Protein backbone atom coordinates (compact mmCIF):
# COMPACT_ATOMS: atom_id res chain seq x y z
CA MET A 1 43.27 17.17 18.18
CA ALA A 2 44.21 14.26 15.79
CA LEU A 3 42.70 11.59 17.84
CA PHE A 4 39.15 13.77 17.84
CA CYS A 5 39.37 14.28 14.24
CA LEU A 6 40.09 10.53 13.91
CA LEU A 7 36.77 9.66 16.26
CA LEU A 8 34.41 12.26 14.36
CA CYS A 9 36.02 10.43 10.37
CA PHE A 10 35.17 7.28 11.86
CA ASN A 11 31.61 8.03 13.07
CA GLN A 12 30.97 9.58 10.02
CA VAL A 13 31.91 6.66 8.30
CA ILE A 14 29.94 4.21 10.48
CA PHE A 15 26.67 6.46 9.86
CA ALA A 16 26.97 6.70 6.18
CA ALA A 17 27.47 2.67 6.57
CA ALA A 18 24.70 2.11 8.72
CA LYS A 19 22.52 4.86 6.18
CA THR A 20 23.11 2.85 3.10
CA ALA A 21 22.94 -0.36 4.47
CA ASP A 22 20.92 -3.02 2.41
CA ILE A 23 17.84 -3.07 4.88
CA ALA A 24 14.68 -3.98 3.40
CA THR A 25 11.47 -1.92 4.12
CA PRO A 26 8.65 -3.99 3.55
CA ILE A 27 6.17 -2.82 0.89
CA SER A 28 2.98 -4.23 2.27
CA ASN A 29 1.67 -5.40 5.53
CA THR A 30 -1.13 -6.73 4.37
CA PRO A 31 -0.78 -10.88 3.84
CA LEU A 32 -0.75 -12.56 0.82
CA SER A 33 -2.10 -15.65 0.50
CA PHE A 34 -0.04 -18.02 -1.76
CA PHE A 35 -1.53 -21.42 -2.75
CA TYR A 36 0.80 -24.03 -4.37
CA SER A 37 0.88 -27.22 -4.54
CA SER A 38 4.48 -29.72 -4.28
CA ASN A 39 4.14 -31.15 -7.20
CA CYS A 40 3.74 -27.97 -9.36
CA PRO A 41 6.64 -27.32 -10.99
CA HIS A 42 5.39 -23.36 -11.88
CA CYS A 43 4.48 -23.15 -8.06
CA GLN A 44 8.19 -24.09 -7.68
CA SER A 45 9.31 -21.63 -9.83
CA VAL A 46 7.33 -18.87 -8.00
CA ARG A 47 8.51 -19.91 -4.52
CA ASP A 48 12.31 -20.18 -6.07
CA PHE A 49 11.29 -16.51 -7.25
CA ILE A 50 10.20 -15.65 -3.84
CA LYS A 51 13.18 -16.78 -2.23
CA VAL A 52 15.91 -15.72 -4.86
CA ASN A 53 14.48 -12.10 -4.88
CA LYS A 54 13.99 -11.98 -0.79
CA LEU A 55 10.36 -10.80 -1.60
CA THR A 56 9.72 -11.93 2.09
CA ASP A 57 11.73 -9.01 3.26
CA LEU A 58 9.23 -6.57 1.54
CA PHE A 59 5.95 -8.58 1.83
CA VAL A 60 3.99 -10.65 4.08
CA ILE A 61 3.70 -13.92 2.42
CA GLN A 62 1.53 -17.13 3.54
CA GLU A 63 2.82 -19.98 1.62
CA LYS A 64 -0.62 -22.64 1.92
CA GLU A 65 0.46 -25.87 0.09
CA ILE A 66 -2.97 -26.65 -0.92
CA SER A 67 -3.01 -30.54 0.20
CA LYS A 68 -3.92 -29.56 3.38
CA THR A 69 -7.97 -29.16 3.66
CA GLU A 70 -7.97 -25.54 5.68
CA ASN A 71 -5.99 -23.89 2.33
CA GLN A 72 -8.02 -26.03 -0.18
CA THR A 73 -10.84 -24.26 1.66
CA GLU A 74 -9.43 -20.88 1.87
CA LEU A 75 -8.48 -21.25 -1.69
CA LEU A 76 -11.89 -21.94 -2.74
CA GLN A 77 -13.46 -19.13 -0.75
CA ALA A 78 -10.74 -16.45 -2.81
CA VAL A 79 -11.51 -17.71 -6.35
CA LYS A 80 -15.10 -17.44 -5.37
CA LYS A 81 -14.87 -13.65 -4.84
CA CYS A 82 -12.30 -13.13 -7.38
CA SER A 83 -15.46 -14.58 -9.55
CA ILE A 84 -13.12 -17.46 -11.25
CA LYS A 85 -15.28 -20.10 -12.51
CA GLY A 86 -14.37 -23.93 -13.37
CA LYS A 87 -14.21 -26.99 -12.51
CA ALA A 88 -10.50 -26.51 -12.05
CA VAL A 89 -8.37 -23.66 -10.35
CA GLU A 90 -4.88 -23.49 -11.84
CA LEU A 91 -1.86 -22.78 -9.64
CA PRO A 92 -0.55 -21.08 -8.69
CA VAL A 93 -2.66 -18.78 -7.23
CA LEU A 94 -1.86 -15.31 -4.87
CA TRP A 95 -4.27 -13.43 -2.95
CA ASP A 96 -3.73 -10.04 -1.81
CA GLY A 97 -7.54 -9.87 -0.36
CA LYS A 98 -8.48 -8.15 -3.23
CA GLN A 99 -7.87 -9.67 -6.08
CA CYS A 100 -6.43 -13.49 -7.54
CA VAL A 101 -3.44 -13.42 -9.10
CA VAL A 102 -3.15 -16.81 -11.51
CA GLY A 103 -0.30 -18.51 -13.11
CA GLU A 104 3.83 -18.23 -12.74
CA ASP A 105 3.97 -15.34 -14.79
CA ALA A 106 1.26 -13.56 -13.62
CA ILE A 107 2.64 -13.85 -9.91
CA THR A 108 6.17 -12.39 -10.92
CA ASP A 109 5.02 -10.31 -12.89
CA TYR A 110 3.04 -8.75 -9.58
CA PHE A 111 5.86 -8.65 -7.69
CA THR A 112 8.48 -7.18 -9.86
CA LYS A 113 5.55 -4.60 -10.51
CA MET A 114 4.89 -4.04 -7.06
CA SER A 115 8.62 -3.99 -6.12
CA GLN A 116 9.48 -1.25 -9.00
CA ASP A 117 6.34 0.85 -8.11
CA ASN A 118 7.40 1.07 -4.53
CA ALA A 119 11.64 1.25 -5.23
CA ALA A 120 12.84 4.28 -3.37
CA PRO A 121 13.61 7.33 -6.40
């Protein structure tokens, strides 16, 4: 009887631990395009923010370094859809398929808000 009780208690502890484990549930499966330059300090700050906050566990983030021609083309298509006008595009830019989020503060605020809005009660 004591062995049965011990096994039952052990199973309950394992089940409870598995239930409360820090398993990230993706907030969105929609890919987010993050356009950056390798020599941009604001871009690096956002990349660090993504890494430190483990946002790749919550979002599908496609990093696109703009020195590559195909990434430049994709960035220009995104900003055109966002009606961003001007000769130069500021970096970093996050494109979620519907809107452009431009700048370090705006992007970190976007991720913070999306994470808070989808946090478990």
